[in-house]
Amino acid sequence: MSRNPILTQKAFDGVASEQSPADEWQNAQHMRATSTATSAGIDAAMANQPMAPAAAGSRVMTLGGVAAATAIMFAVLLATAAWGWSLISVSETFDPVTGAATYTAEGSPWGYVMVAAIVAFVAAIVTSFKPKLARFTSLIYAAAQGVVLGVVSHMYDLQFNGIVVQAVLGTLGVFVVMLVLFGLRVLRATPRFTKGVIAATFGVMFIYLIGFVMSLFGVDLGFWGTSGSPLGIIISVVVCIVAALNLILDFEFIEQGTKQGLPAYMDWYAGFGLMVTLVWLYLEMLRLLARLQSR
């Protein structure tokens, strides 16, 4: 269950951005890529956490508790995402000949995004290895990650109008399908399945790392960014599948945790894991849709 960012973008001062639209778009792509890369590592780490039942008489993990914790986290994430979206103002100009509208992003949100991404990454790491703190750190993660999602989503929407709504609907659709398949026992988190998903998740993290490092040296590997190359589309589809399969691990953890009577703080830990997976899936949906529209 995993995802978050280590950003290398520089913070810019001033109200209006001095970067070209191409540079701003490149920033958004790097932001999204680094965010999803670390997500993979956190998911794998959480999948290996041992389960210890709660002490007799203490409150235990429940499905209702997980649902409530997850809902609160997503409410926080959506609120800060709306603020992150608003950090980018848009100016509209019209071509005098064709009358076509051109939208240009204004503002310098990258300083906020860098800070938010680092905070989200630290909060995710702490939550992954200190589940007892999840009720606090998961909210910090949700608030910080929301800022990153808001800015990145707005940049994508400026480049591909309507893509954010498509990505949200696609993510929700995949979530429902995976939940149904899990509930019908079509997909189960057997030991072999779990090992395979974790291995694939680390593989995705490695691919992101290689692509990001090579992009810093100006090397185009063909699958980086949002180019509509067949290789890039195939890789994005595979990553979406891996992210979707991580949902099965999340569902299994929630189911087993409630059956074994884990402590109540695990409601937040389980909700955090589910959020991390959905954020990862959403970001990769954005990239896949952008690739398809770039063809």
C-alpha atoms as a PDB file:
ATOM      1  CA  MET A   1       0.000   0.000   0.000  1.00  0.00           C
ATOM      2  CA  SER A   2       2.097   2.861  -0.949  1.00  0.00           C
ATOM      3  CA  ARG A   3       3.055   6.134  -2.496  1.00  0.00           C
ATOM      4  CA  ASN A   4       4.593   9.535  -2.068  1.00  0.00           C
ATOM      5  CA  PRO A   5       7.225  11.897  -3.311  1.00  0.00           C
ATOM      6  CA  ILE A   6      10.788  13.075  -3.137  1.00  0.00           C
ATOM      7  CA  LEU A   7      10.858  16.166  -5.273  1.00  0.00           C
ATOM      8  CA  THR A   8      13.821  17.853  -6.783  1.00  0.00           C
ATOM      9  CA  GLN A   9      12.052  20.853  -8.334  1.00  0.00           C
ATOM     10  CA  LYS A  10      13.301  24.259  -7.239  1.00  0.00           C
ATOM     11  CA  ALA A  11      10.983  26.646  -5.457  1.00  0.00           C
ATOM     12  CA  PHE A  12      10.315  29.849  -7.330  1.00  0.00           C
ATOM     13  CA  ASP A  13       9.669  33.239  -5.831  1.00  0.00           C
ATOM     14  CA  GLY A  14       7.168  35.801  -7.034  1.00  0.00           C
ATOM     15  CA  VAL A  15       3.521  35.740  -7.988  1.00  0.00           C
ATOM     16  CA  ALA A  16       3.822  35.055 -11.686  1.00  0.00           C
ATOM     17  CA  SER A  17       5.791  32.099 -13.031  1.00  0.00           C
ATOM     18  CA  GLU A  18       8.689  32.893 -15.313  1.00  0.00           C
ATOM     19  CA  GLN A  19       8.782  29.385 -16.725  1.00  0.00           C
ATOM     20  CA  SER A  20       7.418  28.496 -20.099  1.00  0.00           C
ATOM     21  CA  PRO A  21       4.314  26.261 -20.303  1.00  0.00           C
ATOM     22  CA  ALA A  22       6.600  23.425 -21.395  1.00  0.00           C
ATOM     23  CA  ASP A  23       8.754  23.849 -18.290  1.00  0.00           C
ATOM     24  CA  GLU A  24       5.691  23.965 -16.031  1.00  0.00           C
ATOM     25  CA  TRP A  25       4.376  20.789 -17.658  1.00  0.00           C
ATOM     26  CA  GLN A  26       7.741  19.098 -17.172  1.00  0.00           C
ATOM     27  CA  ASN A  27       7.631  20.037 -13.486  1.00  0.00           C
ATOM     28  CA  ALA A  28       4.197  18.459 -13.139  1.00  0.00           C
ATOM     29  CA  GLN A  29       5.379  15.247 -14.777  1.00  0.00           C
ATOM     30  CA  HIS A  30       8.418  14.953 -12.509  1.00  0.00           C
ATOM     31  CA  MET A  31       6.244  15.692  -9.491  1.00  0.00           C
ATOM     32  CA  ARG A  32       3.790  12.946 -10.381  1.00  0.00           C
ATOM     33  CA  ALA A  33       6.501  10.455 -11.237  1.00  0.00           C
ATOM     34  CA  THR A  34       8.490  10.850  -8.039  1.00  0.00           C
ATOM     35  CA  SER A  35       5.277  10.706  -6.037  1.00  0.00           C
ATOM     36  CA  THR A  36       4.225   7.377  -7.516  1.00  0.00           C
ATOM     37  CA  ALA A  37       7.731   5.892  -7.262  1.00  0.00           C
ATOM     38  CA  THR A  38       7.955   6.106  -3.500  1.00  0.00           C
ATOM     39  CA  SER A  39       4.355   4.908  -3.242  1.00  0.00           C
ATOM     40  CA  ALA A  40       5.423   1.516  -4.511  1.00  0.00           C
ATOM     41  CA  GLY A  41       8.050   1.097  -1.817  1.00  0.00           C
ATOM     42  CA  ILE A  42       5.673   2.053   1.001  1.00  0.00           C
ATOM     43  CA  ASP A  43       3.027  -0.426  -0.189  1.00  0.00           C
ATOM     44  CA  ALA A  44       5.511  -3.275  -0.138  1.00  0.00           C
ATOM     45  CA  ALA A  45       6.746  -2.304   3.325  1.00  0.00           C
ATOM     46  CA  MET A  46       3.219  -2.221   4.732  1.00  0.00           C
ATOM     47  CA  ALA A  47       2.343  -5.577   3.210  1.00  0.00           C
ATOM     48  CA  ASN A  48       5.001  -7.195   5.390  1.00  0.00           C
ATOM     49  CA  GLN A  49       3.832  -5.700   8.699  1.00  0.00           C
ATOM     50  CA  PRO A  50       3.114  -8.397  11.330  1.00  0.00           C
ATOM     51  CA  MET A  51      -0.327  -8.589  12.937  1.00  0.00           C
ATOM     52  CA  ALA A  52      -0.710  -8.620  16.719  1.00  0.00           C
ATOM     53  CA  PRO A  53      -4.187  -8.879  18.328  1.00  0.00           C
ATOM     54  CA  ALA A  54      -5.376  -6.230  20.753  1.00  0.00           C
ATOM     55  CA  ALA A  55      -5.204  -6.750  24.498  1.00  0.00           C
ATOM     56  CA  ALA A  56      -8.324  -8.170  26.155  1.00  0.00           C
ATOM     57  CA  GLY A  57     -10.961  -5.518  26.838  1.00  0.00           C
ATOM     58  CA  SER A  58      -9.475  -2.862  24.557  1.00  0.00           C
ATOM     59  CA  ARG A  59     -11.094  -1.470  21.420  1.00  0.00           C
ATOM     60  CA  VAL A  60     -10.427  -3.439  18.247  1.00  0.00           C
ATOM     61  CA  MET A  61     -10.236  -2.808  14.517  1.00  0.00           C
ATOM     62  CA  THR A  62     -13.602  -2.936  12.702  1.00  0.00           C
ATOM     63  CA  LEU A  63     -14.824  -2.489   9.141  1.00  0.00           C
ATOM     64  CA  GLY A  64     -16.826   0.523  10.279  1.00  0.00           C
ATOM     65  CA  GLY A  65     -13.762   2.008  11.939  1.00  0.00           C
ATOM     66  CA  VAL A  66     -11.678   1.553   8.791  1.00  0.00           C
ATOM     67  CA  ALA A  67     -14.415   3.094   6.650  1.00  0.00           C
ATOM     68  CA  ALA A  68     -14.743   6.097   8.982  1.00  0.00           C
ATOM     69  CA  ALA A  69     -10.975   6.661   9.165  1.00  0.00           C
ATOM     70  CA  THR A  70     -10.640   6.384   5.392  1.00  0.00           C
ATOM     71  CA  ALA A  71     -13.507   8.817   4.846  1.00  0.00           C
ATOM     72  CA  ILE A  72     -11.929  11.386   7.168  1.00  0.00           C
ATOM     73  CA  MET A  73      -8.565  11.059   5.422  1.00  0.00           C
ATOM     74  CA  PHE A  74     -10.115  11.529   1.989  1.00  0.00           C
ATOM     75  CA  ALA A  75     -12.095  14.533   3.211  1.00  0.00           C
ATOM     76  CA  VAL A  76      -8.841  16.131   4.336  1.00  0.00           C
ATOM     77  CA  LEU A  77      -7.112  15.179   1.076  1.00  0.00           C
ATOM     78  CA  LEU A  78      -9.910  16.652  -1.069  1.00  0.00           C
ATOM     79  CA  ALA A  79      -9.928  19.886   0.936  1.00  0.00           C
ATOM     80  CA  THR A  80      -6.195  20.471   0.521  1.00  0.00           C
ATOM     81  CA  ALA A  81      -6.330  19.286  -3.099  1.00  0.00           C
ATOM     82  CA  ALA A  82      -8.855  22.033  -3.799  1.00  0.00           C
ATOM     83  CA  TRP A  83      -6.446  24.532  -2.278  1.00  0.00           C
ATOM     84  CA  GLY A  84      -3.561  23.103  -4.303  1.00  0.00           C
ATOM     85  CA  TRP A  85      -5.662  23.394  -7.462  1.00  0.00           C
ATOM     86  CA  SER A  86      -6.306  27.071  -6.671  1.00  0.00           C
ATOM     87  CA  LEU A  87      -2.570  27.810  -6.450  1.00  0.00           C
ATOM     88  CA  ILE A  88      -2.502  27.830 -10.254  1.00  0.00           C
ATOM     89  CA  SER A  89      -4.417  30.663 -11.863  1.00  0.00           C
ATOM     90  CA  VAL A  90      -5.291  30.454 -15.540  1.00  0.00           C
ATOM     91  CA  SER A  91      -5.327  33.240 -18.117  1.00  0.00           C
ATOM     92  CA  GLU A  92      -7.367  32.808 -21.284  1.00  0.00           C
ATOM     93  CA  THR A  93      -6.396  34.309 -24.612  1.00  0.00           C
ATOM     94  CA  PHE A  94      -7.989  33.968 -28.053  1.00  0.00           C
ATOM     95  CA  ASP A  95      -6.334  33.617 -31.419  1.00  0.00           C
ATOM     96  CA  PRO A  96      -7.503  36.625 -33.491  1.00  0.00           C
ATOM     97  CA  VAL A  97      -7.605  34.524 -36.659  1.00  0.00           C
ATOM     98  CA  THR A  98      -9.065  31.180 -35.581  1.00  0.00           C
ATOM     99  CA  GLY A  99     -10.756  32.328 -32.402  1.00  0.00           C
ATOM    100  CA  ALA A 100      -9.327  29.302 -30.587  1.00  0.00           C
ATOM    101  CA  ALA A 101      -8.825  29.741 -26.852  1.00  0.00           C
ATOM    102  CA  THR A 102      -5.407  29.246 -25.274  1.00  0.00           C
ATOM    103  CA  TYR A 103      -5.018  28.693 -21.540  1.00  0.00           C
ATOM    104  CA  THR A 104      -1.805  29.645 -19.738  1.00  0.00           C
ATOM    105  CA  ALA A 105      -0.948  28.696 -16.154  1.00  0.00           C
ATOM    106  CA  GLU A 106       0.192  31.491 -13.892  1.00  0.00           C
ATOM    107  CA  GLY A 107       1.604  31.419 -10.374  1.00  0.00           C
ATOM    108  CA  SER A 108       4.485  29.625  -8.698  1.00  0.00           C
ATOM    109  CA  PRO A 109       3.111  26.679  -6.717  1.00  0.00           C
ATOM    110  CA  TRP A 110       6.247  24.549  -6.826  1.00  0.00           C
ATOM    111  CA  GLY A 111       7.642  25.815  -3.536  1.00  0.00           C
ATOM    112  CA  TYR A 112       4.439  24.759  -1.760  1.00  0.00           C
ATOM    113  CA  VAL A 113       4.412  21.473  -3.644  1.00  0.00           C
ATOM    114  CA  MET A 114       8.006  20.651  -2.740  1.00  0.00           C
ATOM    115  CA  VAL A 115       7.373  21.218   0.960  1.00  0.00           C
ATOM    116  CA  ALA A 116       4.082  19.285   0.834  1.00  0.00           C
ATOM    117  CA  ALA A 117       5.688  16.377  -1.016  1.00  0.00           C
ATOM    118  CA  ILE A 118       8.502  16.072   1.509  1.00  0.00           C
ATOM    119  CA  VAL A 119       6.048  16.251   4.420  1.00  0.00           C
ATOM    120  CA  ALA A 120       3.846  13.600   2.784  1.00  0.00           C
ATOM    121  CA  PHE A 121       6.822  11.327   2.180  1.00  0.00           C
ATOM    122  CA  VAL A 122       8.052  11.594   5.775  1.00  0.00           C
ATOM    123  CA  ALA A 123       4.534  11.071   7.152  1.00  0.00           C
ATOM    124  CA  ALA A 124       4.080   7.998   4.946  1.00  0.00           C
ATOM    125  CA  ILE A 125       7.355   6.455   6.080  1.00  0.00           C
ATOM    126  CA  VAL A 126       6.571   7.087   9.749  1.00  0.00           C
ATOM    127  CA  THR A 127       3.069   5.657   9.343  1.00  0.00           C
ATOM    128  CA  SER A 128       4.382   2.560   7.571  1.00  0.00           C
ATOM    129  CA  PHE A 129       6.753   1.639  10.386  1.00  0.00           C
ATOM    130  CA  LYS A 130       4.903   3.153  13.376  1.00  0.00           C
ATOM    131  CA  PRO A 131       1.266   2.038  12.991  1.00  0.00           C
ATOM    132  CA  LYS A 132       0.349   3.326  16.474  1.00  0.00           C
ATOM    133  CA  LEU A 133       0.889   6.870  15.207  1.00  0.00           C
ATOM    134  CA  ALA A 134      -1.318   6.343  12.153  1.00  0.00           C
ATOM    135  CA  ARG A 135      -4.290   8.310  13.504  1.00  0.00           C
ATOM    136  CA  PHE A 136      -2.067  11.401  13.489  1.00  0.00           C
ATOM    137  CA  THR A 137       0.451  10.823  10.706  1.00  0.00           C
ATOM    138  CA  SER A 138      -2.127   9.577   8.197  1.00  0.00           C
ATOM    139  CA  LEU A 139      -3.952  12.899   8.419  1.00  0.00           C
ATOM    140  CA  ILE A 140      -0.684  14.770   7.917  1.00  0.00           C
ATOM    141  CA  TYR A 141      -0.019  12.594   4.876  1.00  0.00           C
ATOM    142  CA  ALA A 142      -3.523  13.209   3.491  1.00  0.00           C
ATOM    143  CA  ALA A 143      -3.238  16.980   3.919  1.00  0.00           C
ATOM    144  CA  ALA A 144       0.207  17.208   2.317  1.00  0.00           C
ATOM    145  CA  GLN A 145      -0.513  14.759  -0.484  1.00  0.00           C
ATOM    146  CA  GLY A 146      -3.698  16.639  -1.295  1.00  0.00           C
ATOM    147  CA  VAL A 147      -1.688  19.771  -2.117  1.00  0.00           C
ATOM    148  CA  VAL A 148       0.526  17.778  -4.486  1.00  0.00           C
ATOM    149  CA  LEU A 149      -2.463  16.127  -6.160  1.00  0.00           C
ATOM    150  CA  GLY A 150      -4.261  19.440  -6.571  1.00  0.00           C
ATOM    151  CA  VAL A 151      -1.379  21.131  -8.364  1.00  0.00           C
ATOM    152  CA  VAL A 152      -0.436  18.139 -10.513  1.00  0.00           C
ATOM    153  CA  SER A 153      -4.066  17.473 -11.439  1.00  0.00           C
ATOM    154  CA  HIS A 154      -4.586  21.089 -12.491  1.00  0.00           C
ATOM    155  CA  MET A 155      -1.481  20.994 -14.696  1.00  0.00           C
ATOM    156  CA  TYR A 156      -2.720  17.811 -16.358  1.00  0.00           C
ATOM    157  CA  ASP A 157      -6.184  19.299 -16.847  1.00  0.00           C
ATOM    158  CA  LEU A 158      -4.732  22.363 -18.542  1.00  0.00           C
ATOM    159  CA  GLN A 159      -2.813  20.126 -20.919  1.00  0.00           C
ATOM    160  CA  PHE A 160      -5.683  17.668 -21.500  1.00  0.00           C
ATOM    161  CA  ASN A 161      -9.074  19.181 -20.741  1.00  0.00           C
ATOM    162  CA  GLY A 162     -11.326  16.862 -18.732  1.00  0.00           C
ATOM    163  CA  ILE A 163      -8.614  14.314 -17.977  1.00  0.00           C
ATOM    164  CA  VAL A 164      -8.957  14.683 -14.196  1.00  0.00           C
ATOM    165  CA  VAL A 165     -12.616  13.666 -14.215  1.00  0.00           C
ATOM    166  CA  GLN A 166     -11.759  10.705 -16.429  1.00  0.00           C
ATOM    167  CA  ALA A 167      -8.948   9.634 -14.090  1.00  0.00           C
ATOM    168  CA  VAL A 168     -11.175   9.913 -11.004  1.00  0.00           C
ATOM    169  CA  LEU A 169     -13.935   7.869 -12.637  1.00  0.00           C
ATOM    170  CA  GLY A 170     -11.391   5.318 -13.847  1.00  0.00           C
ATOM    171  CA  THR A 171      -9.893   4.978 -10.375  1.00  0.00           C
ATOM    172  CA  LEU A 172     -13.301   4.558  -8.763  1.00  0.00           C
ATOM    173  CA  GLY A 173     -14.243   2.013 -11.403  1.00  0.00           C
ATOM    174  CA  VAL A 174     -11.127  -0.065 -10.793  1.00  0.00           C
ATOM    175  CA  PHE A 175     -11.685   0.137  -7.024  1.00  0.00           C
ATOM    176  CA  VAL A 176     -15.254  -1.173  -7.332  1.00  0.00           C
ATOM    177  CA  VAL A 177     -14.238  -3.966  -9.716  1.00  0.00           C
ATOM    178  CA  MET A 178     -11.390  -5.118  -7.464  1.00  0.00           C
ATOM    179  CA  LEU A 179     -13.658  -4.986  -4.402  1.00  0.00           C
ATOM    180  CA  VAL A 180     -16.254  -7.134  -6.169  1.00  0.00           C
ATOM    181  CA  LEU A 181     -13.615  -9.620  -7.341  1.00  0.00           C
ATOM    182  CA  PHE A 182     -12.267  -9.827  -3.802  1.00  0.00           C
ATOM    183  CA  GLY A 183     -15.725 -10.206  -2.275  1.00  0.00           C
ATOM    184  CA  LEU A 184     -16.608 -13.002  -4.722  1.00  0.00           C
ATOM    185  CA  ARG A 185     -13.264 -14.670  -3.927  1.00  0.00           C
ATOM    186  CA  VAL A 186     -12.210 -14.506  -7.558  1.00  0.00           C
ATOM    187  CA  LEU A 187      -8.955 -12.862  -6.447  1.00  0.00           C
ATOM    188  CA  ARG A 188      -7.392 -13.821  -3.125  1.00  0.00           C
ATOM    189  CA  ALA A 189      -4.197 -12.695  -1.447  1.00  0.00           C
ATOM    190  CA  THR A 190      -2.555 -16.117  -1.307  1.00  0.00           C
ATOM    191  CA  PRO A 191       1.129 -16.244  -0.293  1.00  0.00           C
ATOM    192  CA  ARG A 192       2.195 -16.670  -3.922  1.00  0.00           C
ATOM    193  CA  PHE A 193      -0.096 -13.837  -5.075  1.00  0.00           C
ATOM    194  CA  THR A 194       1.211 -11.542  -2.337  1.00  0.00           C
ATOM    195  CA  LYS A 195       4.839 -12.253  -3.146  1.00  0.00           C
ATOM    196  CA  GLY A 196       4.199 -11.663  -6.837  1.00  0.00           C
ATOM    197  CA  VAL A 197       2.454  -8.326  -6.256  1.00  0.00           C
ATOM    198  CA  ILE A 198       5.175  -7.120  -3.880  1.00  0.00           C
ATOM    199  CA  ALA A 199       7.883  -8.119  -6.370  1.00  0.00           C
ATOM    200  CA  ALA A 200       6.040  -6.335  -9.184  1.00  0.00           C
ATOM    201  CA  THR A 201       5.613  -3.253  -6.987  1.00  0.00           C
ATOM    202  CA  PHE A 202       9.331  -3.061  -6.300  1.00  0.00           C
ATOM    203  CA  GLY A 203       9.903  -3.549 -10.026  1.00  0.00           C
ATOM    204  CA  VAL A 204       7.716  -0.537 -10.765  1.00  0.00           C
ATOM    205  CA  MET A 205       9.637   1.511  -8.204  1.00  0.00           C
ATOM    206  CA  PHE A 206      12.902   0.518  -9.883  1.00  0.00           C
ATOM    207  CA  ILE A 207      11.594   1.512 -13.323  1.00  0.00           C
ATOM    208  CA  TYR A 208      10.492   4.899 -12.018  1.00  0.00           C
ATOM    209  CA  LEU A 209      13.859   5.427 -10.367  1.00  0.00           C
ATOM    210  CA  ILE A 210      15.775   4.615 -13.553  1.00  0.00           C
ATOM    211  CA  GLY A 211      13.510   6.795 -15.672  1.00  0.00           C
ATOM    212  CA  PHE A 212      13.755   9.735 -13.287  1.00  0.00           C
ATOM    213  CA  VAL A 213      17.551   9.569 -12.976  1.00  0.00           C
ATOM    214  CA  MET A 214      18.043   9.274 -16.727  1.00  0.00           C
ATOM    215  CA  SER A 215      15.664  12.197 -17.363  1.00  0.00           C
ATOM    216  CA  LEU A 216      17.889  14.399 -15.197  1.00  0.00           C
ATOM    217  CA  PHE A 217      20.637  13.816 -17.774  1.00  0.00           C
ATOM    218  CA  GLY A 218      18.335  14.510 -20.705  1.00  0.00           C
ATOM    219  CA  VAL A 219      18.075  10.845 -21.757  1.00  0.00           C
ATOM    220  CA  ASP A 220      14.688   9.865 -23.198  1.00  0.00           C
ATOM    221  CA  LEU A 221      13.978   6.201 -22.463  1.00  0.00           C
ATOM    222  CA  GLY A 222      10.719   6.208 -24.417  1.00  0.00           C
ATOM    223  CA  PHE A 223       8.498   5.328 -21.457  1.00  0.00           C
ATOM    224  CA  TRP A 224       9.128   8.426 -19.335  1.00  0.00           C
ATOM    225  CA  GLY A 225       6.865  11.480 -19.385  1.00  0.00           C
ATOM    226  CA  THR A 226       3.546  11.288 -21.215  1.00  0.00           C
ATOM    227  CA  SER A 227       4.568  10.506 -24.770  1.00  0.00           C
ATOM    228  CA  GLY A 228       2.084   8.355 -26.632  1.00  0.00           C
ATOM    229  CA  SER A 229       4.656   5.735 -27.633  1.00  0.00           C
ATOM    230  CA  PRO A 230       3.434   2.110 -27.641  1.00  0.00           C
ATOM    231  CA  LEU A 231       6.091   1.162 -25.066  1.00  0.00           C
ATOM    232  CA  GLY A 232       5.009   3.975 -22.756  1.00  0.00           C
ATOM    233  CA  ILE A 233       1.345   2.995 -23.025  1.00  0.00           C
ATOM    234  CA  ILE A 234       2.125  -0.668 -22.315  1.00  0.00           C
ATOM    235  CA  ILE A 235       4.197   0.226 -19.260  1.00  0.00           C
ATOM    236  CA  SER A 236       1.455   2.522 -17.940  1.00  0.00           C
ATOM    237  CA  VAL A 237      -1.136  -0.228 -18.369  1.00  0.00           C
ATOM    238  CA  VAL A 238       1.096  -2.697 -16.509  1.00  0.00           C
ATOM    239  CA  VAL A 239       1.669  -0.212 -13.677  1.00  0.00           C
ATOM    240  CA  CYS A 240      -2.088   0.408 -13.392  1.00  0.00           C
ATOM    241  CA  ILE A 241      -2.615  -3.349 -13.124  1.00  0.00           C
ATOM    242  CA  VAL A 242       0.042  -3.647 -10.406  1.00  0.00           C
ATOM    243  CA  ALA A 243      -1.526  -0.753  -8.484  1.00  0.00           C
ATOM    244  CA  ALA A 244      -4.960  -2.362  -8.817  1.00  0.00           C
ATOM    245  CA  LEU A 245      -3.646  -5.701  -7.522  1.00  0.00           C
ATOM    246  CA  ASN A 246      -2.262  -3.878  -4.489  1.00  0.00           C
ATOM    247  CA  LEU A 247      -5.892  -3.151  -3.610  1.00  0.00           C
ATOM    248  CA  ILE A 248      -6.381  -6.881  -3.068  1.00  0.00           C
ATOM    249  CA  LEU A 249      -3.579  -6.818  -0.489  1.00  0.00           C
ATOM    250  CA  ASP A 250      -5.284  -3.859   1.185  1.00  0.00           C
ATOM    251  CA  PHE A 251      -8.651  -5.641   1.299  1.00  0.00           C
ATOM    252  CA  GLU A 252      -7.035  -8.787   2.658  1.00  0.00           C
ATOM    253  CA  PHE A 253      -5.260  -6.837   5.381  1.00  0.00           C
ATOM    254  CA  ILE A 254      -8.523  -5.168   6.418  1.00  0.00           C
ATOM    255  CA  GLU A 255     -10.420  -8.447   6.433  1.00  0.00           C
ATOM    256  CA  GLN A 256      -7.799 -10.361   8.400  1.00  0.00           C
ATOM    257  CA  GLY A 257      -7.239  -7.443  10.774  1.00  0.00           C
ATOM    258  CA  THR A 258     -10.899  -7.303  11.743  1.00  0.00           C
ATOM    259  CA  LYS A 259     -11.097 -11.084  12.140  1.00  0.00           C
ATOM    260  CA  GLN A 260      -8.015 -11.218  14.368  1.00  0.00           C
ATOM    261  CA  GLY A 261      -9.142  -8.305  16.500  1.00  0.00           C
ATOM    262  CA  LEU A 262      -6.217  -5.972  15.893  1.00  0.00           C
ATOM    263  CA  PRO A 263      -6.021  -2.810  18.037  1.00  0.00           C
ATOM    264  CA  ALA A 264      -8.324   0.080  17.064  1.00  0.00           C
ATOM    265  CA  TYR A 265      -5.455   2.240  15.853  1.00  0.00           C
ATOM    266  CA  MET A 266      -5.110  -0.174  12.956  1.00  0.00           C
ATOM    267  CA  ASP A 267      -8.303   1.339  11.527  1.00  0.00           C
ATOM    268  CA  TRP A 268      -6.203   4.356  10.578  1.00  0.00           C
ATOM    269  CA  TYR A 269      -3.270   2.255   9.443  1.00  0.00           C
ATOM    270  CA  ALA A 270      -5.471   0.201   7.118  1.00  0.00           C
ATOM    271  CA  GLY A 271      -7.212   3.329   5.823  1.00  0.00           C
ATOM    272  CA  PHE A 272      -3.859   4.934   5.167  1.00  0.00           C
ATOM    273  CA  GLY A 273      -2.726   1.934   3.135  1.00  0.00           C
ATOM    274  CA  LEU A 274      -5.907   2.045   1.082  1.00  0.00           C
ATOM    275  CA  MET A 275      -5.483   5.761   0.442  1.00  0.00           C
ATOM    276  CA  VAL A 276      -1.876   5.348  -0.659  1.00  0.00           C
ATOM    277  CA  THR A 277      -2.854   2.689  -3.180  1.00  0.00           C
ATOM    278  CA  LEU A 278      -5.729   4.755  -4.568  1.00  0.00           C
ATOM    279  CA  VAL A 279      -3.543   7.852  -4.887  1.00  0.00           C
ATOM    280  CA  TRP A 280      -0.958   5.817  -6.766  1.00  0.00           C
ATOM    281  CA  LEU A 281      -3.627   4.342  -9.038  1.00  0.00           C
ATOM    282  CA  TYR A 282      -5.118   7.782  -9.721  1.00  0.00           C
ATOM    283  CA  LEU A 283      -1.758   9.297 -10.634  1.00  0.00           C
ATOM    284  CA  GLU A 284      -0.968   6.433 -12.973  1.00  0.00           C
ATOM    285  CA  MET A 285      -4.429   6.741 -14.517  1.00  0.00           C
ATOM    286  CA  LEU A 286      -3.619  10.375 -15.246  1.00  0.00           C
ATOM    287  CA  ARG A 287      -0.417   9.364 -16.985  1.00  0.00           C
ATOM    288  CA  LEU A 288      -2.063   6.587 -19.001  1.00  0.00           C
ATOM    289  CA  LEU A 289      -4.888   8.843 -20.183  1.00  0.00           C
ATOM    290  CA  ALA A 290      -2.375  11.565 -21.064  1.00  0.00           C
ATOM    291  CA  ARG A 291      -0.392   9.068 -23.135  1.00  0.00           C
ATOM    292  CA  LEU A 292      -3.516   7.924 -24.974  1.00  0.00           C
ATOM    293  CA  GLN A 293      -4.530  11.499 -25.756  1.00  0.00           C
ATOM    294  CA  SER A 294      -1.002  12.343 -26.935  1.00  0.00           C
ATOM    295  CA  ARG A 295      -1.071   9.782 -29.732  1.00  0.00           C
END
